Amino acid sequence: MGRRSERLSKQGMLAGEAGEGDVIQVVSRAFDVLRCFEGHESRLGNLEISNRCGLPRSTVSRLTHTLTRMGQLVYLPRDQKYRIGPSAVAMSTSMMKGLQLRNLIRQRLQDVADQLPGTVGFVIPDRFHLVYFEYARSASALGLYEVTGSRIAMASTAAGHAYTAALDPVVGDALVAEIEREMPDAAKLLKPRIEGNRQFLREHGYVVACGLWSPHINGLAVPMWSPQYQTVVAVTIGLLSAMYDEKRLHEEVAPAMIELGRAIGSLLESAEGDLFNNRLERKAIPVTAQNNNKVMNSGGMNELEAGTRRARSARSVRARDGRR
């Protein structure tokens, strides 16, 4: 593997690490423009995109012109705005070949949602946010509503704290520094907790965040390594703090979420190489609560640390992963 490939394997989507001068800014900015088209904001003008991206309007104008020529955006003359174009839709549609994996993941999430009155999600990273790849919700869930494609802040959620804690410390610190430069208020929630999160993850296999996103919501998340995306991903749950204080999170929620992490990890591992071939078998992987919340080797070494010496598995929680 070449030197640049090794850096990419370690850094993943962390584009702004200090000392790296080979990031093509125009490509990064083009993706920043495309990220603006989410949720209900499906039609945006250059000024709106400029305000969202923090880029000069002249730069945005050149980028939207290029993206329109490429088919990534389409221009709507009547509104004088842009929306996502056919080429971008075609690219995203190719991901639907992994629909069977997504269905299996959703079933495992629903297993936990049927036990606990909250919203359970499987999230993947996107710069300073995490995106719900799949989710499930208890019929009695209150106070937290997320859907597939929803973006949540990395700095103020249990999933974000678990994700950053699971990264190699050098990579995690660089990401926190980048968040601090771009979103200083958000970094104030994450930076003071990262060392404690790392230690807790090593010892227990999960991370909690109580009242950060909302004083009414407490969260818990379990990170794991995804061979498909070569990054840390996470399963997470949000519950009403009035019903589940931190003690109940540790005692009642953590065992089920750790088992869910193992189940999802097994699916990711078995799907490696078959994610786009739609050949996954429907394996029954029960989600049952266990009393032991720690995920350690018999020798007392965390599996991520041991994983630096052997092939990585996605089966269980991994803290301090050297890759993104």
Protein backbone atom coordinates (compact mmCIF):
# COMPACT_ATOMS: atom_id res chain seq x y z
CA MET A 1 0.00 0.00 0.00
CA GLY A 2 1.38 3.40 -0.94
CA ARG A 3 2.03 6.15 1.56
CA ARG A 4 -1.02 8.17 0.48
CA SER A 5 -3.25 5.08 0.64
CA GLU A 6 -2.01 4.41 4.16
CA ARG A 7 -2.95 7.95 5.17
CA LEU A 8 -6.41 7.57 3.67
CA SER A 9 -6.89 4.23 5.40
CA LYS A 10 -6.05 5.84 8.71
CA GLN A 11 -7.80 9.17 8.22
CA GLY A 12 -10.85 8.20 6.22
CA MET A 13 -13.08 11.25 5.84
CA LEU A 14 -11.01 13.56 8.03
CA ALA A 15 -10.01 16.06 5.36
CA GLY A 16 -8.46 18.78 7.42
CA GLU A 17 -5.83 17.05 9.50
CA ALA A 18 -2.91 19.31 10.19
CA GLY A 19 0.04 18.72 7.92
CA GLU A 20 -1.94 17.23 5.07
CA GLY A 21 -1.55 19.37 1.97
CA ASP A 22 -2.93 17.04 -0.70
CA VAL A 23 -6.66 17.72 -0.17
CA ILE A 24 -8.13 19.27 -3.33
CA GLN A 25 -10.20 22.12 -1.94
CA VAL A 26 -12.47 22.53 -4.95
CA VAL A 27 -13.58 18.89 -4.66
CA SER A 28 -14.19 19.29 -0.93
CA ARG A 29 -16.21 22.44 -1.55
CA ALA A 30 -18.27 20.79 -4.27
CA PHE A 31 -19.35 18.14 -1.79
CA ASP A 32 -20.11 20.86 0.74
CA VAL A 33 -22.53 22.33 -1.80
CA LEU A 34 -24.20 18.97 -2.39
CA ARG A 35 -24.58 18.43 1.37
CA CYS A 36 -26.78 21.54 1.53
CA PHE A 37 -29.56 19.69 -0.31
CA GLU A 38 -31.06 17.66 2.50
CA GLY A 39 -34.34 17.31 4.31
CA HIS A 40 -37.01 19.73 3.21
CA GLU A 41 -34.50 22.15 1.67
CA SER A 42 -34.63 20.54 -1.76
CA ARG A 43 -34.49 23.83 -3.71
CA LEU A 44 -31.76 26.32 -2.96
CA GLY A 45 -30.35 29.43 -4.61
CA ASN A 46 -26.70 30.45 -4.66
CA LEU A 47 -27.18 32.88 -1.76
CA GLU A 48 -28.81 30.22 0.41
CA ILE A 49 -26.05 27.74 -0.45
CA SER A 50 -23.43 30.38 0.30
CA ASN A 51 -24.94 31.03 3.72
CA ARG A 52 -25.08 27.32 4.51
CA CYS A 53 -21.55 26.52 3.30
CA GLY A 54 -19.83 29.67 4.47
CA LEU A 55 -18.34 30.06 0.98
CA PRO A 56 -18.26 33.25 -1.10
CA ARG A 57 -21.23 33.57 -3.44
CA SER A 58 -18.92 33.81 -6.46
CA THR A 59 -17.33 30.49 -5.52
CA VAL A 60 -20.74 28.89 -5.01
CA SER A 61 -21.87 30.20 -8.40
CA ARG A 62 -18.93 28.52 -10.16
CA LEU A 63 -19.49 25.28 -8.27
CA THR A 64 -23.24 25.11 -8.97
CA HIS A 65 -22.57 25.85 -12.66
CA THR A 66 -20.07 22.98 -12.84
CA LEU A 67 -22.26 20.59 -10.86
CA THR A 68 -25.19 21.42 -13.14
CA ARG A 69 -23.12 20.68 -16.24
CA MET A 70 -22.21 17.33 -14.65
CA GLY A 71 -25.83 16.49 -13.88
CA GLN A 72 -25.29 16.53 -10.12
CA LEU A 73 -27.64 19.54 -9.88
CA VAL A 74 -30.42 20.87 -12.09
CA TYR A 75 -31.35 24.55 -12.46
CA LEU A 76 -34.97 25.62 -12.09
CA PRO A 77 -35.38 28.83 -14.15
CA ARG A 78 -38.76 29.76 -12.70
CA ASP A 79 -37.48 29.64 -9.12
CA GLN A 80 -33.92 30.63 -9.98
CA LYS A 81 -32.81 27.82 -7.71
CA TYR A 82 -31.13 24.43 -7.91
CA ARG A 83 -32.08 20.95 -6.81
CA ILE A 84 -30.36 17.53 -6.81
CA GLY A 85 -29.86 16.27 -10.36
CA PRO A 86 -30.23 12.90 -12.05
CA SER A 87 -26.55 11.95 -11.84
CA ALA A 88 -26.54 12.37 -8.07
CA VAL A 89 -29.74 10.33 -7.81
CA ALA A 90 -28.24 7.61 -10.00
CA MET A 91 -25.16 7.43 -7.78
CA SER A 92 -27.26 7.09 -4.64
CA THR A 93 -29.52 4.52 -6.30
CA SER A 94 -26.57 2.16 -6.72
CA MET A 95 -26.43 1.94 -2.94
CA MET A 96 -29.90 0.43 -2.92
CA LYS A 97 -28.34 -2.85 -4.07
CA GLY A 98 -27.47 -3.25 -0.39
CA LEU A 99 -31.15 -3.06 0.53
CA GLN A 100 -31.21 -6.57 1.96
CA LEU A 101 -28.46 -5.66 4.42
CA ARG A 102 -30.38 -2.56 5.40
CA ASN A 103 -33.51 -4.59 5.99
CA LEU A 104 -31.61 -6.98 8.23
CA ILE A 105 -30.10 -4.07 10.16
CA ARG A 106 -33.54 -2.50 10.54
CA GLN A 107 -34.91 -5.77 11.95
CA ARG A 108 -32.19 -5.86 14.60
CA LEU A 109 -32.85 -2.23 15.50
CA GLN A 110 -36.55 -2.96 15.81
CA ASP A 111 -35.80 -5.87 18.16
CA VAL A 112 -34.36 -3.37 20.63
CA ALA A 113 -37.00 -0.72 19.93
CA ASP A 114 -39.65 -3.27 20.86
CA GLN A 115 -37.94 -3.68 24.23
CA LEU A 116 -37.18 -0.05 25.01
CA PRO A 117 -39.38 3.05 24.47
CA GLY A 118 -36.93 5.01 22.36
CA THR A 119 -35.51 5.64 18.90
CA VAL A 120 -32.77 3.23 17.86
CA GLY A 121 -30.47 4.01 14.94
CA PHE A 122 -27.49 2.83 12.93
CA VAL A 123 -25.40 5.87 11.98
CA ILE A 124 -22.45 6.56 9.71
CA PRO A 125 -20.15 9.63 9.82
CA ASP A 126 -20.21 12.63 7.51
CA ARG A 127 -17.67 15.29 8.51
CA PHE A 128 -18.94 16.87 11.74
CA HIS A 129 -22.23 14.99 11.70
CA LEU A 130 -23.59 11.46 11.72
CA VAL A 131 -26.30 10.29 9.33
CA TYR A 132 -29.03 7.78 10.17
CA PHE A 133 -28.48 4.89 7.77
CA GLU A 134 -31.39 3.01 9.34
CA TYR A 135 -33.60 3.50 12.38
CA ALA A 136 -36.42 1.91 14.35
CA ARG A 137 -38.78 3.39 16.89
CA SER A 138 -40.84 1.99 19.70
CA ALA A 139 -44.59 2.48 19.33
CA SER A 140 -44.46 4.27 22.68
CA ALA A 141 -41.38 6.39 21.89
CA LEU A 142 -41.74 10.03 22.89
CA GLY A 143 -39.63 13.13 22.42
CA LEU A 144 -37.19 11.96 19.74
CA TYR A 145 -38.03 11.55 16.08
CA GLU A 146 -35.39 10.75 13.52
CA VAL A 147 -35.71 9.17 10.08
CA THR A 148 -33.34 7.57 7.60
CA GLY A 149 -31.07 10.29 6.24
CA SER A 150 -31.41 12.56 9.28
CA ARG A 151 -28.19 14.25 10.32
CA ILE A 152 -27.22 14.63 13.96
CA ALA A 153 -24.40 16.68 15.42
CA MET A 154 -21.28 14.79 16.40
CA ALA A 155 -20.50 17.02 19.36
CA SER A 156 -23.86 16.85 21.15
CA THR A 157 -24.98 13.23 20.77
CA ALA A 158 -24.07 9.90 22.31
CA ALA A 159 -23.38 8.54 18.83
CA GLY A 160 -20.92 11.34 18.11
CA HIS A 161 -19.15 10.91 21.42
CA ALA A 162 -18.90 7.16 20.88
CA TYR A 163 -17.59 7.64 17.34
CA THR A 164 -14.85 10.09 18.34
CA ALA A 165 -13.88 7.94 21.33
CA ALA A 166 -13.46 4.90 19.07
CA LEU A 167 -11.03 6.64 16.71
CA ASP A 168 -7.30 6.39 17.07
CA PRO A 169 -6.41 9.22 19.50
CA VAL A 170 -4.32 11.06 16.90
CA VAL A 171 -7.15 10.97 14.37
CA GLY A 172 -9.78 11.75 16.99
CA ASP A 173 -7.83 14.72 18.34
CA ALA A 174 -7.38 16.08 14.81
CA LEU A 175 -11.12 15.80 14.19
CA VAL A 176 -11.92 17.57 17.46
CA ALA A 177 -9.44 20.32 16.54
CA GLU A 178 -11.18 20.73 13.19
CA ILE A 179 -14.57 20.93 14.88
CA GLU A 180 -13.10 23.51 17.25
CA ARG A 181 -12.00 25.66 14.32
CA GLU A 182 -15.28 25.38 12.43
CA MET A 183 -17.80 25.05 15.28
CA PRO A 184 -16.20 26.31 18.53
CA ASP A 185 -19.42 26.18 20.57
CA ALA A 186 -20.00 22.56 19.60
CA ALA A 187 -16.42 21.62 20.44
CA LYS A 188 -16.97 22.84 24.00
CA LEU A 189 -19.38 19.94 24.50
CA LEU A 190 -17.07 17.30 23.05
CA LYS A 191 -13.48 18.24 23.86
CA PRO A 192 -13.66 18.10 27.68
CA ARG A 193 -15.30 14.65 27.55
CA ILE A 194 -13.22 12.85 24.93
CA GLU A 195 -10.59 11.38 27.27
CA GLY A 196 -13.24 10.19 29.70
CA ASN A 197 -15.23 8.72 26.82
CA ARG A 198 -12.18 6.84 25.56
CA GLN A 199 -11.51 5.37 28.96
CA PHE A 200 -15.14 4.40 29.52
CA LEU A 201 -15.36 2.84 26.05
CA ARG A 202 -12.26 0.75 26.69
CA GLU A 203 -13.70 -0.52 29.96
CA HIS A 204 -17.38 -0.94 29.10
CA GLY A 205 -17.81 -0.97 25.33
CA TYR A 206 -20.25 1.95 25.04
CA VAL A 207 -20.60 5.69 25.69
CA VAL A 208 -23.43 7.68 27.23
CA ALA A 209 -24.39 11.33 26.77
CA CYS A 210 -27.09 12.74 29.00
CA GLY A 211 -28.87 16.00 28.21
CA LEU A 212 -26.36 17.31 25.66
CA TRP A 213 -28.61 17.39 22.59
CA SER A 214 -31.69 18.15 24.68
CA PRO A 215 -32.22 18.26 28.46
CA HIS A 216 -35.09 15.85 27.92
CA ILE A 217 -33.10 13.19 26.03
CA ASN A 218 -30.45 10.78 27.28
CA GLY A 219 -28.49 8.68 24.81
CA LEU A 220 -26.23 5.65 24.64
CA ALA A 221 -24.16 4.43 21.69
CA VAL A 222 -21.96 1.47 20.78
CA PRO A 223 -19.30 2.03 18.07
CA MET A 224 -17.90 -0.63 15.74
CA TRP A 225 -15.70 -0.93 12.67
CA SER A 226 -17.36 -1.26 9.26
CA PRO A 227 -15.29 -3.18 6.67
CA GLN A 228 -17.51 -1.85 3.86
CA TYR A 229 -17.03 1.82 4.60
CA GLN A 230 -13.61 1.55 6.27
CA THR A 231 -14.77 3.73 9.12
CA VAL A 232 -16.20 3.59 12.60
CA VAL A 233 -20.00 3.41 12.67
CA ALA A 234 -22.36 3.18 15.63
CA VAL A 235 -25.68 1.97 16.94
CA THR A 236 -27.39 4.45 19.22
CA ILE A 237 -30.57 4.96 21.21
CA GLY A 238 -32.29 8.07 22.54
CA LEU A 239 -34.71 7.88 25.48
CA LEU A 240 -36.64 10.35 27.59
CA SER A 241 -34.49 11.41 30.53
CA ALA A 242 -37.57 11.47 32.77
CA MET A 243 -37.94 7.73 32.19
CA TYR A 244 -34.30 6.66 31.84
CA ASP A 245 -31.75 8.43 33.98
CA GLU A 246 -28.06 7.61 33.68
CA LYS A 247 -28.31 4.75 36.17
CA ARG A 248 -31.05 3.04 34.15
CA LEU A 249 -29.02 3.55 30.97
CA HIS A 250 -26.13 1.59 32.45
CA GLU A 251 -28.24 -1.09 34.11
CA GLU A 252 -31.06 -1.70 31.62
CA VAL A 253 -30.16 -0.17 28.25
CA ALA A 254 -26.43 -0.90 27.91
CA PRO A 255 -26.69 -4.73 27.86
CA ALA A 256 -29.27 -4.74 25.04
CA MET A 257 -27.32 -2.14 23.03
CA ILE A 258 -24.03 -4.03 23.39
CA GLU A 259 -25.72 -7.17 22.11
CA LEU A 260 -27.21 -5.12 19.28
CA GLY A 261 -23.71 -3.92 18.42
CA ARG A 262 -22.54 -7.52 18.23
CA ALA A 263 -25.49 -8.45 16.02
CA ILE A 264 -24.97 -5.53 13.63
CA GLY A 265 -21.23 -6.19 13.62
CA SER A 266 -21.88 -9.78 12.56
CA LEU A 267 -24.09 -8.56 9.73
CA LEU A 268 -21.44 -6.12 8.53
CA GLU A 269 -18.79 -8.81 8.66
CA SER A 270 -20.88 -11.35 6.75
CA ALA A 271 -21.83 -8.69 4.22
CA GLU A 272 -18.24 -7.76 3.37
CA GLY A 273 -17.82 -8.31 -0.33
CA ASP A 274 -21.54 -9.00 -0.77
CA LEU A 275 -22.93 -5.59 0.14
CA PHE A 276 -23.74 -4.76 -3.46
CA ASN A 277 -24.55 -8.28 -4.62
CA ASN A 278 -27.77 -8.75 -2.65
CA ARG A 279 -26.86 -12.30 -1.61
CA LEU A 280 -27.09 -12.02 2.15
CA GLU A 281 -28.75 -14.82 4.04
CA ARG A 282 -31.39 -14.07 6.65
CA LYS A 283 -29.55 -15.20 9.74
CA ALA A 284 -31.34 -15.12 13.06
CA ILE A 285 -29.22 -13.07 15.45
CA PRO A 286 -31.19 -12.56 18.67
CA VAL A 287 -30.77 -9.35 20.64
CA THR A 288 -30.81 -10.35 24.28
CA ALA A 289 -29.67 -8.48 27.36
CA GLN A 290 -26.51 -9.69 29.05
CA ASN A 291 -25.06 -8.71 32.40
CA ASN A 292 -21.50 -8.34 31.20
CA ASN A 293 -21.09 -4.97 29.52
CA LYS A 294 -17.38 -5.29 28.88
CA VAL A 295 -15.99 -6.42 25.56
CA MET A 296 -12.50 -7.62 26.29
CA ASN A 297 -10.16 -10.38 25.21
CA SER A 298 -9.22 -13.16 27.60
CA GLY A 299 -5.85 -11.49 27.97
CA GLY A 300 -7.45 -8.24 29.15
CA MET A 301 -6.67 -6.34 25.95
CA ASN A 302 -9.35 -4.37 24.20
CA GLU A 303 -10.21 -5.96 20.84
CA LEU A 304 -9.33 -2.82 18.90
CA GLU A 305 -5.89 -2.74 20.44
CA ALA A 306 -5.44 -6.42 19.69
CA GLY A 307 -6.80 -5.79 16.21
CA THR A 308 -3.76 -3.76 15.28
CA ARG A 309 -1.89 -7.07 15.28
CA ARG A 310 -4.43 -9.16 13.35
CA ALA A 311 -7.22 -8.96 10.81
CA ARG A 312 -10.08 -6.74 12.03
CA SER A 313 -13.51 -8.14 12.80
CA ALA A 314 -16.73 -6.13 12.96
CA ARG A 315 -18.32 -8.39 15.55
CA SER A 316 -17.88 -6.30 18.65
CA VAL A 317 -17.08 -2.91 20.07
CA ARG A 318 -13.68 -1.54 19.19
CA ALA A 319 -12.16 1.44 20.93
CA ARG A 320 -9.12 3.33 19.72
CA ASP A 321 -9.31 2.10 16.15
CA GLY A 322 -6.34 3.17 14.09
CA ARG A 323 -8.48 3.56 10.97
CA ARG A 324 -11.45 5.72 9.99
